[in-house]
Amino acid sequence: MRTWVIENEQQRDRLALFLARMPIMGPQEVTVREYVPKRTSPQNARHWALLTEAAKHIGCSAEDLHEDLLCQHYGFDEIQLPSGRIVRKPLKRSSARNVKEFAIFMEFCESFLATELGVWA
């Protein structure tokens, strides 16, 4: 599988040349859509730094806090484990969010941590 991000005519022309020379070995699928970049490394680093500090404040792990915030923001399914224990599984993961979606999630987290736990970013 190849993914192309086209930002100018030269890149578009290279893609067209690639497609023209590509051997047809069965059906191929081509999708064109607006490019939306995934969350950024600085966004992710800020999120985890905040979670780490908040987790120390409330006495849980940053990972557990992250899972709980995902469930609160995106909703969750309850899953019964073989032991009988019920766990919540978030409907969406933050790793699959784009820059804008992750910013919205971060705003939710920061607001929740400040208003509910007294932890400020």
PDB file of N, CA and C in Angstrom:
ATOM      1  N   MET A   1       0.855  -1.177   0.000  1.00  0.00           N
ATOM      2  CA  MET A   1       0.000   0.000   0.000  1.00  0.00           C
ATOM      3  C   MET A   1       0.899   1.238   0.000  1.00  0.00           C
ATOM      4  N   ARG A   2       0.529   2.236  -0.765  1.00  0.00           N
ATOM      5  CA  ARG A   2       1.255   3.506  -0.822  1.00  0.00           C
ATOM      6  C   ARG A   2       0.289   4.631  -0.528  1.00  0.00           C
ATOM      7  N   THR A   3       0.783   5.609   0.184  1.00  0.00           N
ATOM      8  CA  THR A   3       0.006   6.813   0.456  1.00  0.00           C
ATOM      9  C   THR A   3       0.786   7.998  -0.074  1.00  0.00           C
ATOM     10  N   TRP A   4       0.110   8.865  -0.784  1.00  0.00           N
ATOM     11  CA  TRP A   4       0.726  10.060  -1.353  1.00  0.00           C
ATOM     12  C   TRP A   4       0.039  11.285  -0.761  1.00  0.00           C
ATOM     13  N   VAL A   5       0.824  12.265  -0.389  1.00  0.00           N
ATOM     14  CA  VAL A   5       0.291  13.559   0.012  1.00  0.00           C
ATOM     15  C   VAL A   5       0.689  14.533  -1.079  1.00  0.00           C
ATOM     16  N   ILE A   6      -0.311  15.127  -1.706  1.00  0.00           N
ATOM     17  CA  ILE A   6      -0.072  16.010  -2.845  1.00  0.00           C
ATOM     18  C   ILE A   6      -0.318  17.446  -2.420  1.00  0.00           C
ATOM     19  N   GLU A   7       0.748  18.255  -2.491  1.00  0.00           N
ATOM     20  CA  GLU A   7       0.644  19.656  -2.099  1.00  0.00           C
ATOM     21  C   GLU A   7       0.934  20.618  -3.240  1.00  0.00           C
ATOM     22  N   ASN A   8       1.411  20.095  -4.377  1.00  0.00           N
ATOM     23  CA  ASN A   8       1.716  20.983  -5.497  1.00  0.00           C
ATOM     24  C   ASN A   8       1.600  20.195  -6.812  1.00  0.00           C
ATOM     25  N   GLU A   9       1.719  20.913  -7.918  1.00  0.00           N
ATOM     26  CA  GLU A   9       1.558  20.287  -9.238  1.00  0.00           C
ATOM     27  C   GLU A   9       2.640  19.259  -9.527  1.00  0.00           C
ATOM     28  N   GLN A  10       3.857  19.514  -9.091  1.00  0.00           N
ATOM     29  CA  GLN A  10       4.958  18.570  -9.327  1.00  0.00           C
ATOM     30  C   GLN A  10       4.669  17.223  -8.658  1.00  0.00           C
ATOM     31  N   GLN A  11       4.176  17.249  -7.438  1.00  0.00           N
ATOM     32  CA  GLN A  11       3.842  16.008  -6.749  1.00  0.00           C
ATOM     33  C   GLN A  11       2.674  15.304  -7.438  1.00  0.00           C
ATOM     34  N   ARG A  12       1.699  16.081  -7.890  1.00  0.00           N
ATOM     35  CA  ARG A  12       0.571  15.500  -8.615  1.00  0.00           C
ATOM     36  C   ARG A  12       1.051  14.826  -9.898  1.00  0.00           C
ATOM     37  N   ASP A  13       1.955  15.484 -10.620  1.00  0.00           N
ATOM     38  CA  ASP A  13       2.478  14.930 -11.868  1.00  0.00           C
ATOM     39  C   ASP A  13       3.259  13.637 -11.619  1.00  0.00           C
ATOM     40  N   ARG A  14       4.037  13.594 -10.520  1.00  0.00           N
ATOM     41  CA  ARG A  14       4.767  12.364 -10.187  1.00  0.00           C
ATOM     42  C   ARG A  14       3.810  11.225  -9.878  1.00  0.00           C
ATOM     43  N   LEU A  15       2.728  11.534  -9.198  1.00  0.00           N
ATOM     44  CA  LEU A  15       1.721  10.508  -8.915  1.00  0.00           C
ATOM     45  C   LEU A  15       1.090  10.010 -10.203  1.00  0.00           C
ATOM     46  N   ALA A  16       0.770  10.921 -11.098  1.00  0.00           N
ATOM     47  CA  ALA A  16       0.171  10.528 -12.380  1.00  0.00           C
ATOM     48  C   ALA A  16       1.123   9.619 -13.156  1.00  0.00           C
ATOM     49  N   LEU A  17       2.410   9.927 -13.154  1.00  0.00           N
ATOM     50  CA  LEU A  17       3.406   9.096 -13.821  1.00  0.00           C
ATOM     51  C   LEU A  17       3.490   7.722 -13.162  1.00  0.00           C
ATOM     52  N   PHE A  18       3.476   7.698 -11.853  1.00  0.00           N
ATOM     53  CA  PHE A  18       3.491   6.431 -11.121  1.00  0.00           C
ATOM     54  C   PHE A  18       2.298   5.568 -11.519  1.00  0.00           C
ATOM     55  N   LEU A  19       1.100   6.182 -11.544  1.00  0.00           N
ATOM     56  CA  LEU A  19      -0.108   5.434 -11.905  1.00  0.00           C
ATOM     57  C   LEU A  19      -0.056   4.946 -13.349  1.00  0.00           C
ATOM     58  N   ALA A  20       0.466   5.766 -14.228  1.00  0.00           N
ATOM     59  CA  ALA A  20       0.544   5.378 -15.639  1.00  0.00           C
ATOM     60  C   ALA A  20       1.480   4.181 -15.844  1.00  0.00           C
ATOM     61  N   ARG A  21       2.497   4.070 -15.031  1.00  0.00           N
ATOM     62  CA  ARG A  21       3.479   2.983 -15.180  1.00  0.00           C
ATOM     63  C   ARG A  21       3.187   1.772 -14.288  1.00  0.00           C
ATOM     64  N   MET A  22       2.217   1.889 -13.411  1.00  0.00           N
ATOM     65  CA  MET A  22       1.915   0.815 -12.476  1.00  0.00           C
ATOM     66  C   MET A  22       1.313  -0.380 -13.207  1.00  0.00           C
ATOM     67  N   PRO A  23       1.879  -1.578 -13.025  1.00  0.00           N
ATOM     68  CA  PRO A  23       1.274  -2.742 -13.660  1.00  0.00           C
ATOM     69  C   PRO A  23      -0.077  -3.065 -13.015  1.00  0.00           C
ATOM     70  N   ILE A  24      -1.011  -3.451 -13.833  1.00  0.00           N
ATOM     71  CA  ILE A  24      -2.330  -3.814 -13.320  1.00  0.00           C
ATOM     72  C   ILE A  24      -2.301  -5.306 -13.018  1.00  0.00           C
ATOM     73  N   MET A  25      -2.340  -5.620 -11.737  1.00  0.00           N
ATOM     74  CA  MET A  25      -2.298  -7.009 -11.291  1.00  0.00           C
ATOM     75  C   MET A  25      -3.548  -7.260 -10.461  1.00  0.00           C
ATOM     76  N   GLY A  26      -4.686  -7.180 -11.094  1.00  0.00           N
ATOM     77  CA  GLY A  26      -5.956  -7.313 -10.392  1.00  0.00           C
ATOM     78  C   GLY A  26      -6.497  -5.938 -10.043  1.00  0.00           C
ATOM     79  N   PRO A  27      -7.696  -5.915  -9.498  1.00  0.00           N
ATOM     80  CA  PRO A  27      -8.325  -4.636  -9.164  1.00  0.00           C
ATOM     81  C   PRO A  27      -7.493  -3.849  -8.149  1.00  0.00           C
ATOM     82  N   GLN A  28      -7.408  -2.559  -8.338  1.00  0.00           N
ATOM     83  CA  GLN A  28      -6.718  -1.647  -7.437  1.00  0.00           C
ATOM     84  C   GLN A  28      -7.720  -0.598  -6.962  1.00  0.00           C
ATOM     85  N   GLU A  29      -7.512  -0.085  -5.782  1.00  0.00           N
ATOM     86  CA  GLU A  29      -8.381   0.955  -5.237  1.00  0.00           C
ATOM     87  C   GLU A  29      -7.581   2.231  -5.065  1.00  0.00           C
ATOM     88  N   VAL A  30      -8.126   3.344  -5.515  1.00  0.00           N
ATOM     89  CA  VAL A  30      -7.503   4.649  -5.355  1.00  0.00           C
ATOM     90  C   VAL A  30      -8.514   5.550  -4.666  1.00  0.00           C
ATOM     91  N   THR A  31      -8.104   6.198  -3.596  1.00  0.00           N
ATOM     92  CA  THR A  31      -8.971   7.100  -2.851  1.00  0.00           C
ATOM     93  C   THR A  31      -8.319   8.471  -2.804  1.00  0.00           C
ATOM     94  N   VAL A  32      -9.075   9.507  -3.095  1.00  0.00           N
ATOM     95  CA  VAL A  32      -8.578  10.875  -2.993  1.00  0.00           C
ATOM     96  C   VAL A  32      -9.449  11.589  -1.974  1.00  0.00           C
ATOM     97  N   ARG A  33      -8.796  12.176  -0.984  1.00  0.00           N
ATOM     98  CA  ARG A  33      -9.513  12.919   0.053  1.00  0.00           C
ATOM     99  C   ARG A  33      -8.611  14.019   0.577  1.00  0.00           C
ATOM    100  N   GLU A  34      -9.206  14.961   1.271  1.00  0.00           N
ATOM    101  CA  GLU A  34      -8.416  16.033   1.879  1.00  0.00           C
ATOM    102  C   GLU A  34      -7.465  15.423   2.903  1.00  0.00           C
ATOM    103  N   TYR A  35      -6.242  15.900   2.902  1.00  0.00           N
ATOM    104  CA  TYR A  35      -5.243  15.418   3.861  1.00  0.00           C
ATOM    105  C   TYR A  35      -5.420  16.148   5.187  1.00  0.00           C
ATOM    106  N   VAL A  36      -5.577  15.379   6.245  1.00  0.00           N
ATOM    107  CA  VAL A  36      -5.657  15.932   7.587  1.00  0.00           C
ATOM    108  C   VAL A  36      -4.580  15.231   8.403  1.00  0.00           C
ATOM    109  N   PRO A  37      -3.562  15.971   8.861  1.00  0.00           N
ATOM    110  CA  PRO A  37      -2.463  15.329   9.583  1.00  0.00           C
ATOM    111  C   PRO A  37      -2.905  14.740  10.918  1.00  0.00           C
ATOM    112  N   LYS A  38      -2.273  13.650  11.304  1.00  0.00           N
ATOM    113  CA  LYS A  38      -2.531  13.017  12.594  1.00  0.00           C
ATOM    114  C   LYS A  38      -2.030  13.940  13.698  1.00  0.00           C
ATOM    115  N   ARG A  39      -2.382  13.608  14.923  1.00  0.00           N
ATOM    116  CA  ARG A  39      -1.939  14.416  16.054  1.00  0.00           C
ATOM    117  C   ARG A  39      -0.423  14.587  16.008  1.00  0.00           C
ATOM    118  N   THR A  40       0.054  15.650  16.588  1.00  0.00           N
ATOM    119  CA  THR A  40       1.492  15.929  16.537  1.00  0.00           C
ATOM    120  C   THR A  40       2.197  15.364  17.768  1.00  0.00           C
ATOM    121  N   SER A  41       3.501  15.174  17.646  1.00  0.00           N
ATOM    122  CA  SER A  41       4.302  14.702  18.777  1.00  0.00           C
ATOM    123  C   SER A  41       4.253  15.691  19.946  1.00  0.00           C
ATOM    124  N   PRO A  42       4.360  17.007  19.696  1.00  0.00           N
ATOM    125  CA  PRO A  42       4.250  17.939  20.820  1.00  0.00           C
ATOM    126  C   PRO A  42       2.882  17.879  21.518  1.00  0.00           C
ATOM    127  N   GLN A  43       1.812  17.691  20.756  1.00  0.00           N
ATOM    128  CA  GLN A  43       0.487  17.535  21.369  1.00  0.00           C
ATOM    129  C   GLN A  43       0.489  16.321  22.294  1.00  0.00           C
ATOM    130  N   ASN A  44       0.985  15.217  21.780  1.00  0.00           N
ATOM    131  CA  ASN A  44       0.997  13.979  22.545  1.00  0.00           C
ATOM    132  C   ASN A  44       1.867  14.117  23.801  1.00  0.00           C
ATOM    133  N   ALA A  45       3.028  14.741  23.653  1.00  0.00           N
ATOM    134  CA  ALA A  45       3.928  14.920  24.800  1.00  0.00           C
ATOM    135  C   ALA A  45       3.264  15.783  25.875  1.00  0.00           C
ATOM    136  N   ARG A  46       2.613  16.853  25.471  1.00  0.00           N
ATOM    137  CA  ARG A  46       1.918  17.724  26.434  1.00  0.00           C
ATOM    138  C   ARG A  46       0.816  16.964  27.147  1.00  0.00           C
ATOM    139  N   HIS A  47       0.059  16.182  26.400  1.00  0.00           N
ATOM    140  CA  HIS A  47      -1.031  15.399  26.986  1.00  0.00           C
ATOM    141  C   HIS A  47      -0.499  14.452  28.060  1.00  0.00           C
ATOM    142  N   TRP A  48       0.560  13.713  27.734  1.00  0.00           N
ATOM    143  CA  TRP A  48       1.089  12.735  28.688  1.00  0.00           C
ATOM    144  C   TRP A  48       1.786  13.406  29.869  1.00  0.00           C
ATOM    145  N   ALA A  49       2.385  14.563  29.668  1.00  0.00           N
ATOM    146  CA  ALA A  49       2.984  15.293  30.793  1.00  0.00           C
ATOM    147  C   ALA A  49       1.888  15.725  31.775  1.00  0.00           C
ATOM    148  N   LEU A  50       0.789  16.214  31.233  1.00  0.00           N
ATOM    149  CA  LEU A  50      -0.338  16.621  32.071  1.00  0.00           C
ATOM    150  C   LEU A  50      -0.920  15.418  32.807  1.00  0.00           C
ATOM    151  N   LEU A  51      -1.103  14.310  32.102  1.00  0.00           N
ATOM    152  CA  LEU A  51      -1.662  13.108  32.735  1.00  0.00           C
ATOM    153  C   LEU A  51      -0.744  12.589  33.831  1.00  0.00           C
ATOM    154  N   THR A  52       0.554  12.634  33.598  1.00  0.00           N
ATOM    155  CA  THR A  52       1.517  12.154  34.591  1.00  0.00           C
ATOM    156  C   THR A  52       1.415  12.968  35.878  1.00  0.00           C
ATOM    157  N   GLU A  53       1.343  14.289  35.747  1.00  0.00           N
ATOM    158  CA  GLU A  53       1.217  15.149  36.925  1.00  0.00           C
ATOM    159  C   GLU A  53      -0.124  14.942  37.620  1.00  0.00           C
ATOM    160  N   ALA A  54      -1.187  14.850  36.839  1.00  0.00           N
ATOM    161  CA  ALA A  54      -2.515  14.651  37.420  1.00  0.00           C
ATOM    162  C   ALA A  54      -2.605  13.305  38.127  1.00  0.00           C
ATOM    163  N   ALA A  55      -2.021  12.275  37.543  1.00  0.00           N
ATOM    164  CA  ALA A  55      -2.060  10.940  38.143  1.00  0.00           C
ATOM    165  C   ALA A  55      -1.345  10.927  39.493  1.00  0.00           C
ATOM    166  N   LYS A  56      -0.219  11.632  39.602  1.00  0.00           N
ATOM    167  CA  LYS A  56       0.487  11.737  40.887  1.00  0.00           C
ATOM    168  C   LYS A  56      -0.420  12.392  41.925  1.00  0.00           C
ATOM    169  N   HIS A  57      -1.147  13.404  41.483  1.00  0.00           N
ATOM    170  CA  HIS A  57      -2.026  14.176  42.370  1.00  0.00           C
ATOM    171  C   HIS A  57      -3.170  13.310  42.910  1.00  0.00           C
ATOM    172  N   ILE A  58      -3.700  12.424  42.078  1.00  0.00           N
ATOM    173  CA  ILE A  58      -4.872  11.639  42.506  1.00  0.00           C
ATOM    174  C   ILE A  58      -4.542  10.202  42.891  1.00  0.00           C
ATOM    175  N   GLY A  59      -3.301   9.765  42.635  1.00  0.00           N
ATOM    176  CA  GLY A  59      -2.896   8.449  43.096  1.00  0.00           C
ATOM    177  C   GLY A  59      -3.256   7.290  42.190  1.00  0.00           C
ATOM    178  N   CYS A  60      -3.184   7.512  40.889  1.00  0.00           N
ATOM    179  CA  CYS A  60      -3.374   6.402  39.946  1.00  0.00           C
ATOM    180  C   CYS A  60      -2.295   6.521  38.868  1.00  0.00           C
ATOM    181  N   SER A  61      -2.288   5.599  37.927  1.00  0.00           N
ATOM    182  CA  SER A  61      -1.304   5.689  36.850  1.00  0.00           C
ATOM    183  C   SER A  61      -1.805   6.631  35.759  1.00  0.00           C
ATOM    184  N   ALA A  62      -0.871   7.207  35.014  1.00  0.00           N
ATOM    185  CA  ALA A  62      -1.236   8.066  33.883  1.00  0.00           C
ATOM    186  C   ALA A  62      -2.024   7.264  32.855  1.00  0.00           C
ATOM    187  N   GLU A  63      -1.657   5.995  32.658  1.00  0.00           N
ATOM    188  CA  GLU A  63      -2.353   5.140  31.689  1.00  0.00           C
ATOM    189  C   GLU A  63      -3.807   4.910  32.104  1.00  0.00           C
ATOM    190  N   ASP A  64      -4.032   4.658  33.412  1.00  0.00           N
ATOM    191  CA  ASP A  64      -5.403   4.460  33.888  1.00  0.00           C
ATOM    192  C   ASP A  64      -6.230   5.733  33.729  1.00  0.00           C
ATOM    193  N   LEU A  65      -5.627   6.863  34.038  1.00  0.00           N
ATOM    194  CA  LEU A  65      -6.314   8.139  33.876  1.00  0.00           C
ATOM    195  C   LEU A  65      -6.643   8.392  32.408  1.00  0.00           C
ATOM    196  N   HIS A  66      -5.693   8.095  31.524  1.00  0.00           N
ATOM    197  CA  HIS A  66      -5.908   8.253  30.086  1.00  0.00           C
ATOM    198  C   HIS A  66      -7.100   7.409  29.620  1.00  0.00           C
ATOM    199  N   GLU A  67      -7.136   6.146  30.025  1.00  0.00           N
ATOM    200  CA  GLU A  67      -8.242   5.260  29.643  1.00  0.00           C
ATOM    201  C   GLU A  67      -9.570   5.807  30.139  1.00  0.00           C
ATOM    202  N   ASP A  68      -9.588   6.289  31.373  1.00  0.00           N
ATOM    203  CA  ASP A  68     -10.823   6.825  31.935  1.00  0.00           C
ATOM    204  C   ASP A  68     -11.290   8.058  31.164  1.00  0.00           C
ATOM    205  N   LEU A  69     -10.357   8.939  30.821  1.00  0.00           N
ATOM    206  CA  LEU A  69     -10.722  10.135  30.061  1.00  0.00           C
ATOM    207  C   LEU A  69     -11.208   9.788  28.656  1.00  0.00           C
ATOM    208  N   LEU A  70     -10.591   8.793  28.032  1.00  0.00           N
ATOM    209  CA  LEU A  70     -11.075   8.335  26.724  1.00  0.00           C
ATOM    210  C   LEU A  70     -12.521   7.860  26.835  1.00  0.00           C
ATOM    211  N   CYS A  71     -12.805   7.078  27.863  1.00  0.00           N
ATOM    212  CA  CYS A  71     -14.164   6.561  28.063  1.00  0.00           C
ATOM    213  C   CYS A  71     -15.164   7.689  28.291  1.00  0.00           C
ATOM    214  N   GLN A  72     -14.763   8.680  29.089  1.00  0.00           N
ATOM    215  CA  GLN A  72     -15.661   9.800  29.365  1.00  0.00           C
ATOM    216  C   GLN A  72     -15.924  10.634  28.129  1.00  0.00           C
ATOM    217  N   HIS A  73     -14.895  10.827  27.314  1.00  0.00           N
ATOM    218  CA  HIS A  73     -15.037  11.696  26.141  1.00  0.00           C
ATOM    219  C   HIS A  73     -15.704  10.990  24.961  1.00  0.00           C
ATOM    220  N   TYR A  74     -15.294   9.765  24.671  1.00  0.00           N
ATOM    221  CA  TYR A  74     -15.762   9.061  23.470  1.00  0.00           C
ATOM    222  C   TYR A  74     -16.825   8.009  23.745  1.00  0.00           C
ATOM    223  N   GLY A  75     -17.112   7.742  25.000  1.00  0.00           N
ATOM    224  CA  GLY A  75     -18.028   6.665  25.338  1.00  0.00           C
ATOM    225  C   GLY A  75     -17.262   5.347  25.440  1.00  0.00           C
ATOM    226  N   PHE A  76     -17.965   4.304  25.854  1.00  0.00           N
ATOM    227  CA  PHE A  76     -17.276   3.033  26.086  1.00  0.00           C
ATOM    228  C   PHE A  76     -18.228   1.853  25.975  1.00  0.00           C
ATOM    229  N   ASP A  77     -17.648   0.684  25.803  1.00  0.00           N
ATOM    230  CA  ASP A  77     -18.343  -0.585  25.918  1.00  0.00           C
ATOM    231  C   ASP A  77     -17.883  -1.239  27.207  1.00  0.00           C
ATOM    232  N   GLU A  78     -18.784  -1.945  27.867  1.00  0.00           N
ATOM    233  CA  GLU A  78     -18.386  -2.722  29.035  1.00  0.00           C
ATOM    234  C   GLU A  78     -18.154  -4.155  28.590  1.00  0.00           C
ATOM    235  N   ILE A  79     -17.013  -4.706  29.003  1.00  0.00           N
ATOM    236  CA  ILE A  79     -16.626  -6.049  28.595  1.00  0.00           C
ATOM    237  C   ILE A  79     -16.411  -6.886  29.851  1.00  0.00           C
ATOM    238  N   GLN A  80     -17.017  -8.073  29.859  1.00  0.00           N
ATOM    239  CA  GLN A  80     -16.816  -8.959  30.993  1.00  0.00           C
ATOM    240  C   GLN A  80     -15.653  -9.901  30.691  1.00  0.00           C
ATOM    241  N   LEU A  81     -14.673  -9.882  31.563  1.00  0.00           N
ATOM    242  CA  LEU A  81     -13.496 -10.737  31.416  1.00  0.00           C
ATOM    243  C   LEU A  81     -13.811 -12.144  31.931  1.00  0.00           C
ATOM    244  N   PRO A  82     -12.994 -13.140  31.563  1.00  0.00           N
ATOM    245  CA  PRO A  82     -13.235 -14.503  32.041  1.00  0.00           C
ATOM    246  C   PRO A  82     -13.313 -14.602  33.567  1.00  0.00           C
ATOM    247  N   SER A  83     -12.631 -13.709  34.260  1.00  0.00           N
ATOM    248  CA  SER A  83     -12.667 -13.714  35.735  1.00  0.00           C
ATOM    249  C   SER A  83     -13.998 -13.213  36.280  1.00  0.00           C
ATOM    250  N   GLY A  84     -14.814 -12.648  35.397  1.00  0.00           N
ATOM    251  CA  GLY A  84     -16.076 -12.056  35.823  1.00  0.00           C
ATOM    252  C   GLY A  84     -15.984 -10.555  36.021  1.00  0.00           C
ATOM    253  N   ARG A  85     -14.772 -10.046  36.072  1.00  0.00           N
ATOM    254  CA  ARG A  85     -14.559  -8.610  36.230  1.00  0.00           C
ATOM    255  C   ARG A  85     -15.040  -7.876  34.986  1.00  0.00           C
ATOM    256  N   ILE A  86     -15.658  -6.739  35.176  1.00  0.00           N
ATOM    257  CA  ILE A  86     -16.137  -5.925  34.053  1.00  0.00           C
ATOM    258  C   ILE A  86     -15.210  -4.729  33.894  1.00  0.00           C
ATOM    259  N   VAL A  87     -14.753  -4.516  32.664  1.00  0.00           N
ATOM    260  CA  VAL A  87     -13.890  -3.378  32.368  1.00  0.00           C
ATOM    261  C   VAL A  87     -14.540  -2.525  31.282  1.00  0.00           C
ATOM    262  N   ARG A  88     -14.158  -1.263  31.259  1.00  0.00           N
ATOM    263  CA  ARG A  88     -14.651  -0.358  30.222  1.00  0.00           C
ATOM    264  C   ARG A  88     -13.601  -0.250  29.131  1.00  0.00           C
ATOM    265  N   LYS A  89     -14.065  -0.302  27.888  1.00  0.00           N
ATOM    266  CA  LYS A  89     -13.169  -0.152  26.732  1.00  0.00           C
ATOM    267  C   LYS A  89     -13.657   1.057  25.933  1.00  0.00           C
ATOM    268  N   PRO A  90     -12.775   2.081  25.745  1.00  0.00           N
ATOM    269  CA  PRO A  90     -13.206   3.280  25.014  1.00  0.00           C
ATOM    270  C   PRO A  90     -13.592   2.958  23.572  1.00  0.00           C
ATOM    271  N   LEU A  91     -14.593   3.683  23.063  1.00  0.00           N
ATOM    272  CA  LEU A  91     -15.050   3.480  21.685  1.00  0.00           C
ATOM    273  C   LEU A  91     -14.057   4.025  20.665  1.00  0.00           C
ATOM    274  N   LYS A  92     -13.233   4.990  21.067  1.00  0.00           N
ATOM    275  CA  LYS A  92     -12.215   5.558  20.174  1.00  0.00           C
ATOM    276  C   LYS A  92     -10.913   5.696  20.933  1.00  0.00           C
ATOM    277  N   ARG A  93      -9.800   5.623  20.193  1.00  0.00           N
ATOM    278  CA  ARG A  93      -8.470   5.797  20.764  1.00  0.00           C
ATOM    279  C   ARG A  93      -7.928   7.162  20.348  1.00  0.00           C
ATOM    280  N   SER A  94      -7.141   7.778  21.181  1.00  0.00           N
ATOM    281  CA  SER A  94      -6.574   9.085  20.846  1.00  0.00           C
ATOM    282  C   SER A  94      -5.505   8.974  19.764  1.00  0.00           C
ATOM    283  N   SER A  95      -4.875   7.815  19.654  1.00  0.00           N
ATOM    284  CA  SER A  95      -3.802   7.641  18.663  1.00  0.00           C
ATOM    285  C   SER A  95      -4.302   7.750  17.226  1.00  0.00           C
ATOM    286  N   ALA A  96      -5.589   7.543  17.019  1.00  0.00           N
ATOM    287  CA  ALA A  96      -6.149   7.612  15.666  1.00  0.00           C
ATOM    288  C   ALA A  96      -6.739   8.986  15.340  1.00  0.00           C
ATOM    289  N   ARG A  97      -6.645   9.931  16.259  1.00  0.00           N
ATOM    290  CA  ARG A  97      -7.235  11.254  16.055  1.00  0.00           C
ATOM    291  C   ARG A  97      -6.302  12.146  15.233  1.00  0.00           C
ATOM    292  N   ASN A  98      -6.909  13.042  14.475  1.00  0.00           N
ATOM    293  CA  ASN A  98      -6.105  14.025  13.744  1.00  0.00           C
ATOM    294  C   ASN A  98      -5.816  15.214  14.662  1.00  0.00           C
ATOM    295  N   VAL A  99      -5.083  16.184  14.145  1.00  0.00           N
ATOM    296  CA  VAL A  99      -4.648  17.324  14.957  1.00  0.00           C
ATOM    297  C   VAL A  99      -5.843  18.023  15.614  1.00  0.00           C
ATOM    298  N   LYS A 100      -6.869  18.300  14.846  1.00  0.00           N
ATOM    299  CA  LYS A 100      -8.034  19.018  15.367  1.00  0.00           C
ATOM    300  C   LYS A 100      -8.792  18.172  16.392  1.00  0.00           C
ATOM    301  N   GLU A 101      -9.034  16.908  16.072  1.00  0.00           N
ATOM    302  CA  GLU A 101      -9.753  16.024  16.996  1.00  0.00           C
ATOM    303  C   GLU A 101      -8.984  15.849  18.305  1.00  0.00           C
ATOM    304  N   PHE A 102      -7.659  15.716  18.201  1.00  0.00           N
ATOM    305  CA  PHE A 102      -6.857  15.538  19.408  1.00  0.00           C
ATOM    306  C   PHE A 102      -6.867  16.810  20.247  1.00  0.00           C
ATOM    307  N   ALA A 103      -6.870  17.967  19.598  1.00  0.00           N
ATOM    308  CA  ALA A 103      -6.944  19.240  20.332  1.00  0.00           C
ATOM    309  C   ALA A 103      -8.254  19.325  21.114  1.00  0.00           C
ATOM    310  N   ILE A 104      -9.344  18.882  20.510  1.00  0.00           N
ATOM    311  CA  ILE A 104     -10.643  18.880  21.191  1.00  0.00           C
ATOM    312  C   ILE A 104     -10.602  17.932  22.391  1.00  0.00           C
ATOM    313  N   PHE A 105     -10.007  16.754  22.203  1.00  0.00           N
ATOM    314  CA  PHE A 105      -9.871  15.797  23.300  1.00  0.00           C
ATOM    315  C   PHE A 105      -9.019  16.396  24.423  1.00  0.00           C
ATOM    316  N   MET A 106      -7.924  17.057  24.064  1.00  0.00           N
ATOM    317  CA  MET A 106      -7.058  17.677  25.078  1.00  0.00           C
ATOM    318  C   MET A 106      -7.805  18.768  25.846  1.00  0.00           C
ATOM    319  N   GLU A 107      -8.607  19.561  25.154  1.00  0.00           N
ATOM    320  CA  GLU A 107      -9.390  20.598  25.831  1.00  0.00           C
ATOM    321  C   GLU A 107     -10.338  19.965  26.844  1.00  0.00           C
ATOM    322  N   PHE A 108     -10.972  18.851  26.438  1.00  0.00           N
ATOM    323  CA  PHE A 108     -11.853  18.132  27.353  1.00  0.00           C
ATOM    324  C   PHE A 108     -11.071  17.662  28.585  1.00  0.00           C
ATOM    325  N   CYS A 109      -9.916  17.036  28.353  1.00  0.00           N
ATOM    326  CA  CYS A 109      -9.097  16.512  29.453  1.00  0.00           C
ATOM    327  C   CYS A 109      -8.664  17.620  30.398  1.00  0.00           C
ATOM    328  N   GLU A 110      -8.161  18.718  29.834  1.00  0.00           N
ATOM    329  CA  GLU A 110      -7.679  19.819  30.663  1.00  0.00           C
ATOM    330  C   GLU A 110      -8.814  20.435  31.471  1.00  0.00           C
ATOM    331  N   SER A 111      -9.975  20.573  30.859  1.00  0.00           N
ATOM    332  CA  SER A 111     -11.131  21.119  31.568  1.00  0.00           C
ATOM    333  C   SER A 111     -11.558  20.174  32.691  1.00  0.00           C
ATOM    334  N   PHE A 112     -11.638  18.889  32.396  1.00  0.00           N
ATOM    335  CA  PHE A 112     -12.039  17.912  33.410  1.00  0.00           C
ATOM    336  C   PHE A 112     -11.046  17.898  34.572  1.00  0.00           C
ATOM    337  N   LEU A 113      -9.760  17.837  34.253  1.00  0.00           N
ATOM    338  CA  LEU A 113      -8.748  17.767  35.300  1.00  0.00           C
ATOM    339  C   LEU A 113      -8.770  19.020  36.180  1.00  0.00           C
ATOM    340  N   ALA A 114      -9.016  20.175  35.575  1.00  0.00           N
ATOM    341  CA  ALA A 114      -9.052  21.425  36.341  1.00  0.00           C
ATOM    342  C   ALA A 114     -10.319  21.518  37.199  1.00  0.00           C
ATOM    343  N   THR A 115     -11.468  21.239  36.609  1.00  0.00           N
ATOM    344  CA  THR A 115     -12.717  21.433  37.338  1.00  0.00           C
ATOM    345  C   THR A 115     -13.014  20.304  38.307  1.00  0.00           C
ATOM    346  N   GLU A 116     -12.706  19.078  37.944  1.00  0.00           N
ATOM    347  CA  GLU A 116     -13.038  17.937  38.783  1.00  0.00           C
ATOM    348  C   GLU A 116     -11.943  17.559  39.772  1.00  0.00           C
ATOM    349  N   LEU A 117     -10.674  17.783  39.393  1.00  0.00           N
ATOM    350  CA  LEU A 117      -9.561  17.319  40.214  1.00  0.00           C
ATOM    351  C   LEU A 117      -8.666  18.432  40.739  1.00  0.00           C
ATOM    352  N   GLY A 118      -8.891  19.660  40.249  1.00  0.00           N
ATOM    353  CA  GLY A 118      -8.064  20.770  40.703  1.00  0.00           C
ATOM    354  C   GLY A 118      -6.644  20.740  40.169  1.00  0.00           C
ATOM    355  N   VAL A 119      -6.453  20.089  39.028  1.00  0.00           N
ATOM    356  CA  VAL A 119      -5.124  20.014  38.385  1.00  0.00           C
ATOM    357  C   VAL A 119      -5.141  20.945  37.193  1.00  0.00           C
ATOM    358  N   TRP A 120      -4.200  21.891  37.159  1.00  0.00           N
ATOM    359  CA  TRP A 120      -4.167  22.896  36.100  1.00  0.00           C
ATOM    360  C   TRP A 120      -3.027  22.625  35.141  1.00  0.00           C
ATOM    361  N   ALA A 121      -3.278  22.889  33.858  1.00  0.00           N
ATOM    362  CA  ALA A 121      -2.254  22.691  32.820  1.00  0.00           C
ATOM    363  C   ALA A 121      -1.239  23.804  32.846  1.00  0.00           C
TER     364      ALA A 121
END
